[in-house]
Amino acid sequence: MSKPKLTNTNLYRTYLVMELLRSQNEREFPLQLASVYFWVAAHNGCKQQDVAAAVGMSPSSVSRCVTWLGPQHRLEHRSGLKLVRREVDPVNPKCWRLFLTPKGEQFTNLVEQQLTMPIKDQ
């Protein structure tokens, strides 16, 4: 049986990035979670409320995603992904600032490698 011919390298790269997301010890990696992660990765140090506005999600949904991307999942028996950390904004203590953790920075580097590495016909 022959391999299917690669017809779109950009979509194949997207597939590889999605597989990286799924490799984070999660059987499922919802797109909402990915949207929040990638927005934070692209705007390291951003306000949590800015993420909600940018990705078109409610503040409570973004908060749940940030918790999951952080040290502890909202369900006590599950661990968080430890990709993002939340800090109180020094200017406005009612706001949260979101930053990549060292693990999040490493993961972002892996994603960038997938997006830029040469692709052989797969």
N, C-alpha and C. Protein backbone atom coordinates (compact mmCIF):
# COMPACT_ATOMS: atom_id res chain seq x y z
N MET A 1 0.85 -1.17 0.00
CA MET A 1 0.00 0.00 0.00
C MET A 1 0.89 1.24 0.00
N SER A 2 0.63 2.19 -0.88
CA SER A 2 1.47 3.38 -0.98
C SER A 2 0.98 4.47 -0.03
N LYS A 3 1.93 5.34 0.33
CA LYS A 3 1.60 6.48 1.19
C LYS A 3 0.81 7.51 0.39
N PRO A 4 -0.13 8.19 1.06
CA PRO A 4 -0.82 9.27 0.36
C PRO A 4 0.16 10.42 0.10
N LYS A 5 -0.04 11.12 -1.00
CA LYS A 5 0.84 12.23 -1.37
C LYS A 5 0.49 13.47 -0.55
N LEU A 6 1.52 14.13 -0.03
CA LEU A 6 1.33 15.38 0.71
C LEU A 6 0.94 16.47 -0.28
N THR A 7 -0.20 17.11 -0.05
CA THR A 7 -0.70 18.11 -0.98
C THR A 7 -0.71 19.52 -0.39
N ASN A 8 -0.52 19.66 0.94
CA ASN A 8 -0.53 20.99 1.55
C ASN A 8 0.37 20.96 2.79
N THR A 9 1.56 21.54 2.66
CA THR A 9 2.52 21.48 3.76
C THR A 9 2.06 22.30 4.97
N ASN A 10 1.37 23.42 4.74
CA ASN A 10 0.91 24.24 5.87
C ASN A 10 -0.10 23.48 6.72
N LEU A 11 -1.01 22.79 6.08
CA LEU A 11 -1.99 22.01 6.85
C LEU A 11 -1.33 20.81 7.53
N TYR A 12 -0.33 20.24 6.89
CA TYR A 12 0.40 19.16 7.54
C TYR A 12 1.13 19.67 8.78
N ARG A 13 1.71 20.86 8.69
CA ARG A 13 2.36 21.47 9.87
C ARG A 13 1.33 21.69 10.98
N THR A 14 0.13 22.14 10.61
CA THR A 14 -0.93 22.33 11.59
C THR A 14 -1.26 21.01 12.27
N TYR A 15 -1.35 19.96 11.50
CA TYR A 15 -1.58 18.62 12.06
C TYR A 15 -0.47 18.26 13.06
N LEU A 16 0.79 18.53 12.70
CA LEU A 16 1.90 18.20 13.60
C LEU A 16 1.80 18.99 14.90
N VAL A 17 1.40 20.26 14.82
CA VAL A 17 1.23 21.08 16.03
C VAL A 17 0.09 20.51 16.87
N MET A 18 -1.00 20.11 16.24
CA MET A 18 -2.11 19.52 17.00
C MET A 18 -1.66 18.23 17.71
N GLU A 19 -0.82 17.47 17.06
CA GLU A 19 -0.29 16.26 17.70
C GLU A 19 0.61 16.61 18.88
N LEU A 20 1.36 17.70 18.78
CA LEU A 20 2.15 18.16 19.93
C LEU A 20 1.23 18.50 21.10
N LEU A 21 0.14 19.19 20.81
CA LEU A 21 -0.82 19.52 21.87
C LEU A 21 -1.33 18.25 22.54
N ARG A 22 -1.68 17.27 21.73
CA ARG A 22 -2.22 16.03 22.28
C ARG A 22 -1.16 15.24 23.05
N SER A 23 0.11 15.56 22.85
CA SER A 23 1.19 14.84 23.54
C SER A 23 1.37 15.33 24.98
N GLN A 24 0.60 16.29 25.41
CA GLN A 24 0.75 16.88 26.75
C GLN A 24 0.00 16.10 27.82
N ASN A 25 -0.01 14.79 27.71
CA ASN A 25 -0.65 13.90 28.67
C ASN A 25 -2.15 14.14 28.80
N GLU A 26 -2.75 14.59 27.72
CA GLU A 26 -4.19 14.78 27.68
C GLU A 26 -4.73 13.98 26.50
N ARG A 27 -5.72 13.16 26.75
CA ARG A 27 -6.32 12.43 25.64
C ARG A 27 -7.03 13.40 24.70
N GLU A 28 -7.55 14.46 25.27
CA GLU A 28 -8.22 15.48 24.48
C GLU A 28 -7.59 16.83 24.81
N PHE A 29 -7.48 17.67 23.83
CA PHE A 29 -6.96 19.02 24.02
C PHE A 29 -7.93 19.93 23.28
N PRO A 30 -8.97 20.40 23.98
CA PRO A 30 -10.01 21.19 23.31
C PRO A 30 -9.45 22.43 22.61
N LEU A 31 -10.10 22.82 21.54
CA LEU A 31 -9.65 23.99 20.79
C LEU A 31 -9.71 25.26 21.63
N GLN A 32 -10.66 25.35 22.55
CA GLN A 32 -10.69 26.53 23.44
C GLN A 32 -9.40 26.62 24.24
N LEU A 33 -8.93 25.50 24.73
CA LEU A 33 -7.70 25.46 25.51
C LEU A 33 -6.51 25.86 24.62
N ALA A 34 -6.49 25.34 23.40
CA ALA A 34 -5.42 25.69 22.46
C ALA A 34 -5.45 27.18 22.13
N SER A 35 -6.63 27.73 21.92
CA SER A 35 -6.75 29.15 21.60
C SER A 35 -6.17 30.01 22.72
N VAL A 36 -6.53 29.69 23.95
CA VAL A 36 -6.03 30.45 25.09
C VAL A 36 -4.51 30.30 25.19
N TYR A 37 -4.02 29.08 25.07
CA TYR A 37 -2.58 28.85 25.17
C TYR A 37 -1.83 29.65 24.10
N PHE A 38 -2.25 29.54 22.85
CA PHE A 38 -1.52 30.21 21.77
C PHE A 38 -1.61 31.73 21.89
N TRP A 39 -2.74 32.26 22.36
CA TRP A 39 -2.84 33.70 22.52
C TRP A 39 -1.90 34.18 23.62
N VAL A 40 -1.85 33.44 24.72
CA VAL A 40 -0.92 33.81 25.80
C VAL A 40 0.53 33.67 25.31
N ALA A 41 0.83 32.62 24.58
CA ALA A 41 2.19 32.42 24.08
C ALA A 41 2.61 33.56 23.15
N ALA A 42 1.66 34.08 22.40
CA ALA A 42 1.95 35.17 21.47
C ALA A 42 1.95 36.54 22.16
N HIS A 43 1.39 36.61 23.38
CA HIS A 43 1.28 37.88 24.11
C HIS A 43 1.71 37.67 25.57
N ASN A 44 2.87 37.08 25.76
CA ASN A 44 3.36 36.73 27.10
C ASN A 44 3.29 37.95 28.03
N GLY A 45 2.64 37.79 29.18
CA GLY A 45 2.47 38.88 30.13
C GLY A 45 1.16 39.62 29.96
N CYS A 46 0.29 39.11 29.10
CA CYS A 46 -0.99 39.78 28.82
C CYS A 46 -1.94 39.68 30.01
N LYS A 47 -2.98 40.51 29.98
CA LYS A 47 -4.03 40.44 31.00
C LYS A 47 -5.03 39.34 30.61
N GLN A 48 -5.51 38.65 31.61
CA GLN A 48 -6.47 37.58 31.36
C GLN A 48 -7.72 38.12 30.67
N GLN A 49 -8.16 39.32 31.04
CA GLN A 49 -9.36 39.90 30.42
C GLN A 49 -9.13 40.18 28.93
N ASP A 50 -7.89 40.48 28.55
CA ASP A 50 -7.59 40.71 27.13
C ASP A 50 -7.69 39.40 26.34
N VAL A 51 -7.31 38.30 26.97
CA VAL A 51 -7.43 37.00 26.32
C VAL A 51 -8.90 36.71 26.04
N ALA A 52 -9.76 36.93 27.02
CA ALA A 52 -11.20 36.67 26.85
C ALA A 52 -11.75 37.47 25.67
N ALA A 53 -11.38 38.73 25.60
CA ALA A 53 -11.86 39.58 24.51
C ALA A 53 -11.32 39.10 23.16
N ALA A 54 -10.05 38.73 23.13
CA ALA A 54 -9.41 38.35 21.87
C ALA A 54 -9.94 37.03 21.32
N VAL A 55 -10.15 36.05 22.19
CA VAL A 55 -10.57 34.73 21.70
C VAL A 55 -12.09 34.56 21.69
N GLY A 56 -12.80 35.58 22.14
CA GLY A 56 -14.26 35.53 22.08
C GLY A 56 -14.89 34.53 23.03
N MET A 57 -14.29 34.38 24.19
CA MET A 57 -14.82 33.46 25.20
C MET A 57 -15.21 34.26 26.44
N SER A 58 -16.08 33.69 27.25
CA SER A 58 -16.46 34.35 28.49
C SER A 58 -15.27 34.37 29.44
N PRO A 59 -15.22 35.34 30.33
CA PRO A 59 -14.13 35.37 31.32
C PRO A 59 -14.06 34.09 32.14
N SER A 60 -15.20 33.50 32.47
CA SER A 60 -15.17 32.27 33.27
C SER A 60 -14.58 31.10 32.47
N SER A 61 -14.87 31.03 31.17
CA SER A 61 -14.29 29.96 30.34
C SER A 61 -12.78 30.13 30.22
N VAL A 62 -12.34 31.37 30.04
CA VAL A 62 -10.90 31.63 29.97
C VAL A 62 -10.25 31.26 31.30
N SER A 63 -10.88 31.60 32.40
CA SER A 63 -10.34 31.28 33.72
C SER A 63 -10.18 29.77 33.89
N ARG A 64 -11.18 29.01 33.45
CA ARG A 64 -11.08 27.54 33.53
C ARG A 64 -9.92 27.03 32.68
N CYS A 65 -9.77 27.59 31.47
CA CYS A 65 -8.67 27.17 30.60
C CYS A 65 -7.31 27.52 31.22
N VAL A 66 -7.21 28.72 31.79
CA VAL A 66 -5.95 29.14 32.41
C VAL A 66 -5.62 28.23 33.59
N THR A 67 -6.63 27.86 34.36
CA THR A 67 -6.41 26.94 35.47
C THR A 67 -5.87 25.61 34.96
N TRP A 68 -6.46 25.09 33.89
CA TRP A 68 -6.03 23.82 33.29
C TRP A 68 -4.62 23.96 32.72
N LEU A 69 -4.32 25.08 32.10
CA LEU A 69 -2.98 25.31 31.56
C LEU A 69 -1.96 25.57 32.67
N GLY A 70 -2.42 25.84 33.86
CA GLY A 70 -1.56 26.12 35.00
C GLY A 70 -1.18 24.87 35.77
N PRO A 71 -0.88 25.03 37.07
CA PRO A 71 -0.37 23.91 37.86
C PRO A 71 -1.41 22.86 38.25
N GLN A 72 -2.68 23.24 38.31
CA GLN A 72 -3.68 22.29 38.80
C GLN A 72 -4.95 22.40 37.97
N HIS A 73 -5.43 21.29 37.47
CA HIS A 73 -6.71 21.24 36.77
C HIS A 73 -7.81 21.58 37.76
N ARG A 74 -8.93 22.09 37.29
CA ARG A 74 -10.02 22.44 38.21
C ARG A 74 -10.61 21.20 38.89
N LEU A 75 -10.44 20.03 38.28
CA LEU A 75 -10.84 18.78 38.94
C LEU A 75 -9.66 18.31 39.79
N GLU A 76 -9.90 18.13 41.06
CA GLU A 76 -8.81 17.89 42.01
C GLU A 76 -7.96 16.66 41.70
N HIS A 77 -8.54 15.66 41.07
CA HIS A 77 -7.79 14.42 40.80
C HIS A 77 -6.92 14.51 39.55
N ARG A 78 -6.96 15.66 38.86
CA ARG A 78 -6.17 15.83 37.64
C ARG A 78 -5.14 16.93 37.82
N SER A 79 -4.00 16.74 37.20
CA SER A 79 -2.94 17.74 37.24
C SER A 79 -3.14 18.74 36.10
N GLY A 80 -2.68 19.95 36.31
CA GLY A 80 -2.69 20.93 35.24
C GLY A 80 -1.54 20.67 34.28
N LEU A 81 -1.52 21.39 33.16
CA LEU A 81 -0.49 21.18 32.15
C LEU A 81 0.81 21.93 32.45
N LYS A 82 0.76 22.88 33.37
CA LYS A 82 1.95 23.62 33.81
C LYS A 82 2.63 24.39 32.67
N LEU A 83 1.82 24.92 31.74
CA LEU A 83 2.34 25.69 30.61
C LEU A 83 2.23 27.19 30.84
N VAL A 84 1.30 27.60 31.71
CA VAL A 84 1.01 29.02 31.94
C VAL A 84 0.96 29.28 33.44
N ARG A 85 1.42 30.44 33.84
CA ARG A 85 1.27 30.85 35.25
C ARG A 85 0.52 32.18 35.29
N ARG A 86 -0.17 32.38 36.38
CA ARG A 86 -1.00 33.57 36.57
C ARG A 86 -0.43 34.37 37.72
N GLU A 87 -0.29 35.69 37.53
CA GLU A 87 0.19 36.59 38.58
C GLU A 87 -0.76 37.77 38.70
N VAL A 88 -0.88 38.29 39.91
CA VAL A 88 -1.67 39.50 40.11
C VAL A 88 -0.97 40.66 39.42
N ASP A 89 -1.74 41.47 38.70
CA ASP A 89 -1.21 42.65 38.02
C ASP A 89 -0.73 43.64 39.08
N PRO A 90 0.51 44.10 39.00
CA PRO A 90 1.02 45.03 40.02
C PRO A 90 0.33 46.40 39.99
N VAL A 91 -0.24 46.78 38.87
CA VAL A 91 -0.92 48.07 38.76
C VAL A 91 -2.37 47.97 39.22
N ASN A 92 -3.02 46.87 38.87
CA ASN A 92 -4.42 46.67 39.23
C ASN A 92 -4.58 45.30 39.87
N PRO A 93 -4.65 45.22 41.19
CA PRO A 93 -4.71 43.92 41.87
C PRO A 93 -5.97 43.10 41.57
N LYS A 94 -6.93 43.69 40.86
CA LYS A 94 -8.12 42.93 40.47
C LYS A 94 -7.92 42.18 39.15
N CYS A 95 -6.79 42.40 38.49
CA CYS A 95 -6.49 41.78 37.20
C CYS A 95 -5.40 40.72 37.35
N TRP A 96 -5.43 39.75 36.45
CA TRP A 96 -4.40 38.73 36.37
C TRP A 96 -3.55 38.96 35.13
N ARG A 97 -2.26 38.73 35.25
CA ARG A 97 -1.34 38.71 34.12
C ARG A 97 -0.95 37.26 33.88
N LEU A 98 -0.83 36.89 32.62
CA LEU A 98 -0.54 35.50 32.25
C LEU A 98 0.82 35.42 31.57
N PHE A 99 1.61 34.44 32.02
CA PHE A 99 2.96 34.25 31.51
C PHE A 99 3.19 32.77 31.21
N LEU A 100 4.04 32.51 30.26
CA LEU A 100 4.46 31.13 30.02
C LEU A 100 5.39 30.69 31.15
N THR A 101 5.26 29.46 31.56
CA THR A 101 6.21 28.86 32.49
C THR A 101 7.44 28.42 31.68
N PRO A 102 8.51 28.01 32.34
CA PRO A 102 9.63 27.44 31.57
C PRO A 102 9.18 26.27 30.68
N LYS A 103 8.30 25.43 31.21
CA LYS A 103 7.77 24.33 30.40
C LYS A 103 6.98 24.88 29.22
N GLY A 104 6.20 25.94 29.45
CA GLY A 104 5.44 26.56 28.37
C GLY A 104 6.34 27.15 27.30
N GLU A 105 7.46 27.74 27.72
CA GLU A 105 8.43 28.29 26.77
C GLU A 105 9.06 27.17 25.95
N GLN A 106 9.40 26.06 26.59
CA GLN A 106 9.96 24.91 25.87
C GLN A 106 8.95 24.36 24.87
N PHE A 107 7.70 24.27 25.31
CA PHE A 107 6.66 23.76 24.42
C PHE A 107 6.46 24.70 23.23
N THR A 108 6.49 26.00 23.48
CA THR A 108 6.36 26.98 22.40
C THR A 108 7.51 26.82 21.41
N ASN A 109 8.71 26.57 21.91
CA ASN A 109 9.85 26.34 21.01
C ASN A 109 9.62 25.10 20.15
N LEU A 110 9.06 24.04 20.73
CA LEU A 110 8.74 22.84 19.94
C LEU A 110 7.74 23.16 18.85
N VAL A 111 6.73 23.93 19.18
CA VAL A 111 5.72 24.32 18.19
C VAL A 111 6.38 25.11 17.06
N GLU A 112 7.23 26.07 17.43
CA GLU A 112 7.90 26.87 16.41
C GLU A 112 8.79 26.01 15.52
N GLN A 113 9.42 24.99 16.09
CA GLN A 113 10.23 24.07 15.28
C GLN A 113 9.37 23.33 14.28
N GLN A 114 8.19 22.89 14.73
CA GLN A 114 7.28 22.17 13.82
C GLN A 114 6.84 23.08 12.67
N LEU A 115 6.70 24.37 12.97
CA LEU A 115 6.21 25.31 11.96
C LEU A 115 7.29 25.73 10.96
N THR A 116 8.56 25.51 11.31
CA THR A 116 9.64 26.00 10.45
C THR A 116 10.53 24.90 9.88
N MET A 117 10.43 23.69 10.38
CA MET A 117 11.33 22.64 9.90
C MET A 117 10.97 22.23 8.47
N PRO A 118 11.97 21.81 7.71
CA PRO A 118 11.68 21.32 6.36
C PRO A 118 10.79 20.08 6.42
N ILE A 119 9.88 19.98 5.50
CA ILE A 119 8.96 18.84 5.46
C ILE A 119 9.29 18.00 4.24
N LYS A 120 9.55 16.73 4.49
CA LYS A 120 9.72 15.81 3.38
C LYS A 120 8.33 15.35 2.99
N ASP A 121 8.16 14.94 1.77
CA ASP A 121 6.86 14.44 1.32
C ASP A 121 6.43 13.29 2.22
N GLN A 122 5.37 13.51 2.97
CA GLN A 122 4.87 12.50 3.92
C GLN A 122 3.68 11.79 3.37
